[in-house]
Full PDB file with SEQRES, HELIX, SHEET, SSBOND, CRYST1, ORIGX, SCALE, CONECT and MASTER records, all heavy atoms in Angstrom:
SEQRES   1 A   35  ARG ARG PHE GLY ARG ARG ASP VAL LEU ARG GLY ALA LEU          
SEQRES   2 A   35  GLY VAL ALA ALA ILE GLY ALA ILE ALA GLY SER GLY LEU          
SEQRES   3 A   35  ALA ALA LEU GLY GLY LYS LYS ALA LEU                          
HELIX    1 AA1 ARG A    5  ASP A    7  5                                   3    
HELIX    2 AA2 VAL A   15  ALA A   22  1                                   8    
HELIX    3 AA3 LEU A   26  ALA A   28  5                                   3    
CRYST1    1.000    1.000    1.000  90.00  90.00  90.00 P 1           1          
ORIGX1      1.000000  0.000000  0.000000        0.00000                         
ORIGX2      0.000000  1.000000  0.000000        0.00000                         
ORIGX3      0.000000  0.000000  1.000000        0.00000                         
SCALE1      1.000000  0.000000  0.000000        0.00000                         
SCALE2      0.000000  1.000000  0.000000        0.00000                         
SCALE3      0.000000  0.000000  1.000000        0.00000                         
ATOM      1  N   ARG A   1     172.452  62.280 209.588  1.00  0.00           N  
ATOM      2  CA  ARG A   1     173.127  61.789 210.783  1.00  0.00           C  
ATOM      3  C   ARG A   1     174.616  61.601 210.543  1.00  0.00           C  
ATOM      4  O   ARG A   1     175.436  61.807 211.410  1.00  0.00           O  
ATOM      5  CB  ARG A   1     172.506  60.463 211.229  1.00  0.00           C  
ATOM      6  CG  ARG A   1     171.092  60.588 211.764  1.00  0.00           C  
ATOM      7  CD  ARG A   1     170.743  59.389 212.638  1.00  0.00           C  
ATOM      8  NE  ARG A   1     170.912  58.135 211.918  1.00  0.00           N  
ATOM      9  CZ  ARG A   1     169.946  57.577 211.190  1.00  0.00           C  
ATOM     10  NH1 ARG A   1     168.769  58.173 211.068  1.00  0.00           N  
ATOM     11  NH2 ARG A   1     170.154  56.426 210.589  1.00  0.00           N  
ATOM     12  N   ARG A   2     174.949  61.190 209.304  1.00  0.00           N  
ATOM     13  CA  ARG A   2     176.346  60.887 209.032  1.00  0.00           C  
ATOM     14  C   ARG A   2     177.210  62.131 208.965  1.00  0.00           C  
ATOM     15  O   ARG A   2     178.295  62.187 209.534  1.00  0.00           O  
ATOM     16  CB  ARG A   2     176.468  60.109 207.720  1.00  0.00           C  
ATOM     17  CG  ARG A   2     177.912  59.700 207.473  1.00  0.00           C  
ATOM     18  CD  ARG A   2     178.066  58.821 206.259  1.00  0.00           C  
ATOM     19  NE  ARG A   2     179.466  58.495 206.099  1.00  0.00           N  
ATOM     20  CZ  ARG A   2     180.008  58.061 204.988  1.00  0.00           C  
ATOM     21  NH1 ARG A   2     179.252  57.883 203.934  1.00  0.00           N  
ATOM     22  NH2 ARG A   2     181.289  57.794 204.913  1.00  0.00           N  
ATOM     23  N   PHE A   3     176.748  63.158 208.248  1.00  0.00           N  
ATOM     24  CA  PHE A   3     177.582  64.331 208.028  1.00  0.00           C  
ATOM     25  C   PHE A   3     177.211  65.512 208.926  1.00  0.00           C  
ATOM     26  O   PHE A   3     178.069  66.271 209.346  1.00  0.00           O  
ATOM     27  CB  PHE A   3     177.492  64.767 206.560  1.00  0.00           C  
ATOM     28  CG  PHE A   3     178.088  63.760 205.630  1.00  0.00           C  
ATOM     29  CD1 PHE A   3     177.274  63.038 204.765  1.00  0.00           C  
ATOM     30  CD2 PHE A   3     179.442  63.521 205.618  1.00  0.00           C  
ATOM     31  CE1 PHE A   3     177.817  62.106 203.905  1.00  0.00           C  
ATOM     32  CE2 PHE A   3     179.994  62.582 204.763  1.00  0.00           C  
ATOM     33  CZ  PHE A   3     179.188  61.873 203.901  1.00  0.00           C  
ATOM     34  N   GLY A   4     175.930  65.692 209.196  1.00  0.00           N  
ATOM     35  CA  GLY A   4     175.489  66.843 209.974  1.00  0.00           C  
ATOM     36  C   GLY A   4     175.362  68.083 209.124  1.00  0.00           C  
ATOM     37  O   GLY A   4     176.119  68.301 208.183  1.00  0.00           O  
ATOM     38  N   ARG A   5     174.388  68.934 209.479  1.00  0.00           N  
ATOM     39  CA  ARG A   5     174.120  70.123 208.673  1.00  0.00           C  
ATOM     40  C   ARG A   5     175.313  71.063 208.610  1.00  0.00           C  
ATOM     41  O   ARG A   5     175.530  71.747 207.627  1.00  0.00           O  
ATOM     42  CB  ARG A   5     172.909  70.885 209.230  1.00  0.00           C  
ATOM     43  CG  ARG A   5     171.580  70.304 208.830  1.00  0.00           C  
ATOM     44  CD  ARG A   5     170.453  71.183 209.320  1.00  0.00           C  
ATOM     45  NE  ARG A   5     170.492  72.500 208.736  1.00  0.00           N  
ATOM     46  CZ  ARG A   5     169.959  72.815 207.563  1.00  0.00           C  
ATOM     47  NH1 ARG A   5     169.364  71.886 206.854  1.00  0.00           N  
ATOM     48  NH2 ARG A   5     170.018  74.042 207.110  1.00  0.00           N  
ATOM     49  N   ARG A   6     176.115  71.123 209.674  1.00  0.00           N  
ATOM     50  CA  ARG A   6     177.202  72.085 209.676  1.00  0.00           C  
ATOM     51  C   ARG A   6     178.297  71.732 208.682  1.00  0.00           C  
ATOM     52  O   ARG A   6     179.134  72.554 208.345  1.00  0.00           O  
ATOM     53  CB  ARG A   6     177.803  72.176 211.087  1.00  0.00           C  
ATOM     54  CG  ARG A   6     176.881  72.839 212.093  1.00  0.00           C  
ATOM     55  CD  ARG A   6     177.484  72.808 213.475  1.00  0.00           C  
ATOM     56  NE  ARG A   6     177.653  71.431 213.946  1.00  0.00           N  
ATOM     57  CZ  ARG A   6     178.246  71.117 215.104  1.00  0.00           C  
ATOM     58  NH1 ARG A   6     178.710  72.060 215.883  1.00  0.00           N  
ATOM     59  NH2 ARG A   6     178.344  69.864 215.465  1.00  0.00           N  
ATOM     60  N   ASP A   7     178.328  70.470 208.197  1.00  0.00           N  
ATOM     61  CA  ASP A   7     179.378  70.058 207.260  1.00  0.00           C  
ATOM     62  C   ASP A   7     179.170  70.619 205.872  1.00  0.00           C  
ATOM     63  O   ASP A   7     180.075  70.611 205.056  1.00  0.00           O  
ATOM     64  CB  ASP A   7     179.434  68.523 207.162  1.00  0.00           C  
ATOM     65  CG  ASP A   7     179.907  67.902 208.457  1.00  0.00           C  
ATOM     66  OD1 ASP A   7     180.656  68.572 209.190  1.00  0.00           O  
ATOM     67  OD2 ASP A   7     179.516  66.751 208.730  1.00  0.00           O  
ATOM     68  N   VAL A   8     177.951  71.042 205.549  1.00  0.00           N  
ATOM     69  CA  VAL A   8     177.652  71.482 204.191  1.00  0.00           C  
ATOM     70  C   VAL A   8     176.821  72.751 204.246  1.00  0.00           C  
ATOM     71  O   VAL A   8     175.791  72.787 204.898  1.00  0.00           O  
ATOM     72  CB  VAL A   8     176.868  70.398 203.411  1.00  0.00           C  
ATOM     73  CG1 VAL A   8     176.622  70.863 201.993  1.00  0.00           C  
ATOM     74  CG2 VAL A   8     177.641  69.092 203.397  1.00  0.00           C  
ATOM     75  N   LEU A   9     177.259  73.808 203.566  1.00  0.00           N  
ATOM     76  CA  LEU A   9     176.494  75.037 203.500  1.00  0.00           C  
ATOM     77  C   LEU A   9     175.581  75.005 202.299  1.00  0.00           C  
ATOM     78  O   LEU A   9     175.919  74.450 201.263  1.00  0.00           O  
ATOM     79  CB  LEU A   9     177.452  76.237 203.392  1.00  0.00           C  
ATOM     80  CG  LEU A   9     178.441  76.386 204.560  1.00  0.00           C  
ATOM     81  CD1 LEU A   9     179.365  77.568 204.289  1.00  0.00           C  
ATOM     82  CD2 LEU A   9     177.700  76.589 205.867  1.00  0.00           C  
ATOM     83  N   ARG A  10     174.389  75.613 202.423  1.00  0.00           N  
ATOM     84  CA  ARG A  10     173.443  75.618 201.317  1.00  0.00           C  
ATOM     85  C   ARG A  10     174.058  76.278 200.101  1.00  0.00           C  
ATOM     86  O   ARG A  10     174.526  77.412 200.162  1.00  0.00           O  
ATOM     87  CB  ARG A  10     172.177  76.372 201.712  1.00  0.00           C  
ATOM     88  CG  ARG A  10     171.337  75.648 202.746  1.00  0.00           C  
ATOM     89  CD  ARG A  10     170.084  76.431 203.062  1.00  0.00           C  
ATOM     90  NE  ARG A  10     169.259  76.577 201.877  1.00  0.00           N  
ATOM     91  CZ  ARG A  10     168.364  75.688 201.484  1.00  0.00           C  
ATOM     92  NH1 ARG A  10     168.204  74.580 202.158  1.00  0.00           N  
ATOM     93  NH2 ARG A  10     167.638  75.904 200.407  1.00  0.00           N  
ATOM     94  N   GLY A  11     174.086  75.538 198.991  1.00  0.00           N  
ATOM     95  CA  GLY A  11     174.577  76.089 197.744  1.00  0.00           C  
ATOM     96  C   GLY A  11     176.076  76.231 197.697  1.00  0.00           C  
ATOM     97  O   GLY A  11     176.614  76.852 196.781  1.00  0.00           O  
ATOM     98  N   ALA A  12     176.795  75.693 198.676  1.00  0.00           N  
ATOM     99  CA  ALA A  12     178.232  75.945 198.740  1.00  0.00           C  
ATOM    100  C   ALA A  12     178.992  75.101 197.741  1.00  0.00           C  
ATOM    101  O   ALA A  12     178.621  74.002 197.415  1.00  0.00           O  
ATOM    102  CB  ALA A  12     178.741  75.644 200.145  1.00  0.00           C  
ATOM    103  N   LEU A  13     180.146  75.646 197.315  1.00  0.00           N  
ATOM    104  CA  LEU A  13     181.125  74.879 196.553  1.00  0.00           C  
ATOM    105  C   LEU A  13     182.422  74.806 197.341  1.00  0.00           C  
ATOM    106  O   LEU A  13     183.488  74.664 196.778  1.00  0.00           O  
ATOM    107  CB  LEU A  13     181.386  75.540 195.196  1.00  0.00           C  
ATOM    108  CG  LEU A  13     180.303  75.338 194.156  1.00  0.00           C  
ATOM    109  CD1 LEU A  13     180.672  76.070 192.882  1.00  0.00           C  
ATOM    110  CD2 LEU A  13     180.115  73.875 193.860  1.00  0.00           C  
ATOM    111  N   GLY A  14     182.344  74.961 198.673  1.00  0.00           N  
ATOM    112  CA  GLY A  14     183.546  74.998 199.484  1.00  0.00           C  
ATOM    113  C   GLY A  14     184.280  73.679 199.471  1.00  0.00           C  
ATOM    114  O   GLY A  14     183.692  72.617 199.409  1.00  0.00           O  
ATOM    115  N   VAL A  15     185.623  73.753 199.578  1.00  0.00           N  
ATOM    116  CA  VAL A  15     186.416  72.529 199.516  1.00  0.00           C  
ATOM    117  C   VAL A  15     186.148  71.647 200.724  1.00  0.00           C  
ATOM    118  O   VAL A  15     186.240  70.426 200.652  1.00  0.00           O  
ATOM    119  CB  VAL A  15     187.922  72.850 199.416  1.00  0.00           C  
ATOM    120  CG1 VAL A  15     188.245  73.453 198.083  1.00  0.00           C  
ATOM    121  CG2 VAL A  15     188.378  73.760 200.549  1.00  0.00           C  
ATOM    122  N   ALA A  16     185.793  72.227 201.881  1.00  0.00           N  
ATOM    123  CA  ALA A  16     185.493  71.392 203.043  1.00  0.00           C  
ATOM    124  C   ALA A  16     184.251  70.549 202.794  1.00  0.00           C  
ATOM    125  O   ALA A  16     184.192  69.374 203.151  1.00  0.00           O  
ATOM    126  CB  ALA A  16     185.298  72.261 204.276  1.00  0.00           C  
ATOM    127  N   ALA A  17     183.238  71.163 202.170  1.00  0.00           N  
ATOM    128  CA  ALA A  17     182.005  70.425 201.872  1.00  0.00           C  
ATOM    129  C   ALA A  17     182.274  69.310 200.888  1.00  0.00           C  
ATOM    130  O   ALA A  17     181.820  68.183 201.057  1.00  0.00           O  
ATOM    131  CB  ALA A  17     180.958  71.380 201.306  1.00  0.00           C  
ATOM    132  N   ILE A  18     183.021  69.624 199.819  1.00  0.00           N  
ATOM    133  CA  ILE A  18     183.315  68.592 198.834  1.00  0.00           C  
ATOM    134  C   ILE A  18     184.146  67.486 199.454  1.00  0.00           C  
ATOM    135  O   ILE A  18     183.946  66.309 199.195  1.00  0.00           O  
ATOM    136  CB  ILE A  18     184.061  69.208 197.631  1.00  0.00           C  
ATOM    137  CG1 ILE A  18     183.173  70.233 196.944  1.00  0.00           C  
ATOM    138  CG2 ILE A  18     184.472  68.139 196.648  1.00  0.00           C  
ATOM    139  CD1 ILE A  18     181.954  69.665 196.298  1.00  0.00           C  
ATOM    140  N   GLY A  19     185.078  67.848 200.298  1.00  0.00           N  
ATOM    141  CA  GLY A  19     185.891  66.830 200.937  1.00  0.00           C  
ATOM    142  C   GLY A  19     185.058  65.894 201.783  1.00  0.00           C  
ATOM    143  O   GLY A  19     185.270  64.687 201.789  1.00  0.00           O  
ATOM    144  N   ALA A  20     184.070  66.441 202.501  1.00  0.00           N  
ATOM    145  CA  ALA A  20     183.228  65.611 203.356  1.00  0.00           C  
ATOM    146  C   ALA A  20     182.349  64.691 202.546  1.00  0.00           C  
ATOM    147  O   ALA A  20     182.155  63.539 202.884  1.00  0.00           O  
ATOM    148  CB  ALA A  20     182.367  66.500 204.250  1.00  0.00           C  
ATOM    149  N   ILE A  21     181.796  65.227 201.444  1.00  0.00           N  
ATOM    150  CA  ILE A  21     180.845  64.443 200.657  1.00  0.00           C  
ATOM    151  C   ILE A  21     181.553  63.519 199.686  1.00  0.00           C  
ATOM    152  O   ILE A  21     181.228  62.353 199.543  1.00  0.00           O  
ATOM    153  CB  ILE A  21     179.898  65.379 199.888  1.00  0.00           C  
ATOM    154  CG1 ILE A  21     179.117  66.231 200.883  1.00  0.00           C  
ATOM    155  CG2 ILE A  21     178.938  64.593 199.033  1.00  0.00           C  
ATOM    156  CD1 ILE A  21     178.326  65.459 201.882  1.00  0.00           C  
ATOM    157  N   ALA A  22     182.537  64.032 198.957  1.00  0.00           N  
ATOM    158  CA  ALA A  22     183.160  63.246 197.903  1.00  0.00           C  
ATOM    159  C   ALA A  22     184.389  62.492 198.370  1.00  0.00           C  
ATOM    160  O   ALA A  22     184.886  61.631 197.663  1.00  0.00           O  
ATOM    161  CB  ALA A  22     183.540  64.159 196.730  1.00  0.00           C  
ATOM    162  N   GLY A  23     184.905  62.824 199.557  1.00  0.00           N  
ATOM    163  CA  GLY A  23     186.025  62.069 200.089  1.00  0.00           C  
ATOM    164  C   GLY A  23     187.279  62.194 199.269  1.00  0.00           C  
ATOM    165  O   GLY A  23     188.067  61.252 199.160  1.00  0.00           O  
ATOM    166  N   SER A  24     187.525  63.349 198.648  1.00  0.00           N  
ATOM    167  CA  SER A  24     188.626  63.446 197.691  1.00  0.00           C  
ATOM    168  C   SER A  24     189.781  64.299 198.168  1.00  0.00           C  
ATOM    169  O   SER A  24     190.703  64.544 197.413  1.00  0.00           O  
ATOM    170  CB  SER A  24     188.105  64.015 196.370  1.00  0.00           C  
ATOM    171  OG  SER A  24     187.464  65.253 196.596  1.00  0.00           O  
ATOM    172  N   GLY A  25     189.760  64.770 199.410  1.00  0.00           N  
ATOM    173  CA  GLY A  25     190.888  65.508 199.928  1.00  0.00           C  
ATOM    174  C   GLY A  25     191.133  66.816 199.232  1.00  0.00           C  
ATOM    175  O   GLY A  25     192.281  67.206 198.991  1.00  0.00           O  
ATOM    176  N   LEU A  26     190.081  67.560 198.895  1.00  0.00           N  
ATOM    177  CA  LEU A  26     190.245  68.777 198.119  1.00  0.00           C  
ATOM    178  C   LEU A  26     190.733  69.958 198.933  1.00  0.00           C  
ATOM    179  O   LEU A  26     191.052  70.991 198.369  1.00  0.00           O  
ATOM    180  CB  LEU A  26     188.914  69.143 197.456  1.00  0.00           C  
ATOM    181  CG  LEU A  26     188.398  68.148 196.429  1.00  0.00           C  
ATOM    182  CD1 LEU A  26     187.109  68.667 195.824  1.00  0.00           C  
ATOM    183  CD2 LEU A  26     189.415  67.900 195.342  1.00  0.00           C  
ATOM    184  N   ALA A  27     190.796  69.824 200.238  1.00  0.00           N  
ATOM    185  CA  ALA A  27     191.151  70.980 201.060  1.00  0.00           C  
ATOM    186  C   ALA A  27     192.533  71.523 200.728  1.00  0.00           C  
ATOM    187  O   ALA A  27     192.817  72.696 200.963  1.00  0.00           O  
ATOM    188  CB  ALA A  27     191.097  70.610 202.537  1.00  0.00           C  
ATOM    189  N   ALA A  28     193.397  70.695 200.184  1.00  0.00           N  
ATOM    190  CA  ALA A  28     194.754  71.145 199.889  1.00  0.00           C  
ATOM    191  C   ALA A  28     194.876  71.804 198.530  1.00  0.00           C  
ATOM    192  O   ALA A  28     195.961  72.249 198.159  1.00  0.00           O  
ATOM    193  CB  ALA A  28     195.713  69.959 199.961  1.00  0.00           C  
ATOM    194  N   LEU A  29     193.789  71.876 197.779  1.00  0.00           N  
ATOM    195  CA  LEU A  29     193.877  72.356 196.408  1.00  0.00           C  
ATOM    196  C   LEU A  29     193.546  73.824 196.321  1.00  0.00           C  
ATOM    197  O   LEU A  29     192.737  74.347 197.072  1.00  0.00           O  
ATOM    198  CB  LEU A  29     192.921  71.544 195.523  1.00  0.00           C  
ATOM    199  CG  LEU A  29     193.252  70.049 195.511  1.00  0.00           C  
ATOM    200  CD1 LEU A  29     192.190  69.305 194.744  1.00  0.00           C  
ATOM    201  CD2 LEU A  29     194.620  69.790 194.919  1.00  0.00           C  
ATOM    202  N   GLY A  30     194.142  74.480 195.337  1.00  0.00           N  
ATOM    203  CA  GLY A  30     194.021  75.921 195.279  1.00  0.00           C  
ATOM    204  C   GLY A  30     192.992  76.454 194.334  1.00  0.00           C  
ATOM    205  O   GLY A  30     192.695  77.644 194.372  1.00  0.00           O  
ATOM    206  N   GLY A  31     192.427  75.681 193.425  1.00  0.00           N  
ATOM    207  CA  GLY A  31     191.447  76.229 192.494  1.00  0.00           C  
ATOM    208  C   GLY A  31     191.469  75.495 191.173  1.00  0.00           C  
ATOM    209  O   GLY A  31     192.136  74.488 191.003  1.00  0.00           O  
ATOM    210  N   LYS A  32     190.738  76.051 190.155  1.00  0.00           N  
ATOM    211  CA  LYS A  32     190.573  75.362 188.874  1.00  0.00           C  
ATOM    212  C   LYS A  32     191.893  75.111 188.172  1.00  0.00           C  
ATOM    213  O   LYS A  32     192.115  74.079 187.572  1.00  0.00           O  
ATOM    214  CB  LYS A  32     189.643  76.167 187.980  1.00  0.00           C  
ATOM    215  CG  LYS A  32     188.206  76.207 188.462  1.00  0.00           C  
ATOM    216  CD  LYS A  32     187.318  76.901 187.464  1.00  0.00           C  
ATOM    217  CE  LYS A  32     185.891  76.955 187.970  1.00  0.00           C  
ATOM    218  NZ  LYS A  32     185.008  77.633 187.021  1.00  0.00           N  
ATOM    219  N   LYS A  33     192.816  76.073 188.223  1.00  0.00           N  
ATOM    220  CA  LYS A  33     194.079  75.917 187.509  1.00  0.00           C  
ATOM    221  C   LYS A  33     194.858  74.731 188.056  1.00  0.00           C  
ATOM    222  O   LYS A  33     195.412  73.929 187.323  1.00  0.00           O  
ATOM    223  CB  LYS A  33     194.907  77.191 187.627  1.00  0.00           C  
ATOM    224  CG  LYS A  33     196.181  77.155 186.807  1.00  0.00           C  
ATOM    225  CD  LYS A  33     196.901  78.491 186.847  1.00  0.00           C  
ATOM    226  CE  LYS A  33     198.165  78.450 185.995  1.00  0.00           C  
ATOM    227  NZ  LYS A  33     198.887  79.750 186.032  1.00  0.00           N  
ATOM    228  N   ALA A  34     194.889  74.583 189.370  1.00  0.00           N  
ATOM    229  CA  ALA A  34     195.613  73.478 189.972  1.00  0.00           C  
ATOM    230  C   ALA A  34     194.936  72.141 189.689  1.00  0.00           C  
ATOM    231  O   ALA A  34     195.599  71.120 189.587  1.00  0.00           O  
ATOM    232  CB  ALA A  34     195.716  73.687 191.481  1.00  0.00           C  
ATOM    233  N   LEU A  35     193.602  72.162 189.550  1.00  0.00           N  
ATOM    234  CA  LEU A  35     192.869  70.922 189.340  1.00  0.00           C  
ATOM    235  C   LEU A  35     192.914  70.433 187.909  1.00  0.00           C  
ATOM    236  O   LEU A  35     192.784  69.252 187.644  1.00  0.00           O  
ATOM    237  CB  LEU A  35     191.404  71.131 189.743  1.00  0.00           C  
ATOM    238  CG  LEU A  35     191.130  71.438 191.221  1.00  0.00           C  
ATOM    239  CD1 LEU A  35     189.675  71.823 191.393  1.00  0.00           C  
ATOM    240  CD2 LEU A  35     191.472  70.254 192.089  1.00  0.00           C  
TER     241      LEU A  35                                                      
MASTER        0    0    0    3    0    0    0    6  240    1    0    3          
END                                                                             
């Protein structure tokens, strides 16, 4: 109910999914090197 199925794709590592679940603002990040 809180996030909804559309917020997370099965098996995804997308930054939008991580941002929704982990609350860490990852959408602005470019990848492993930047992290």
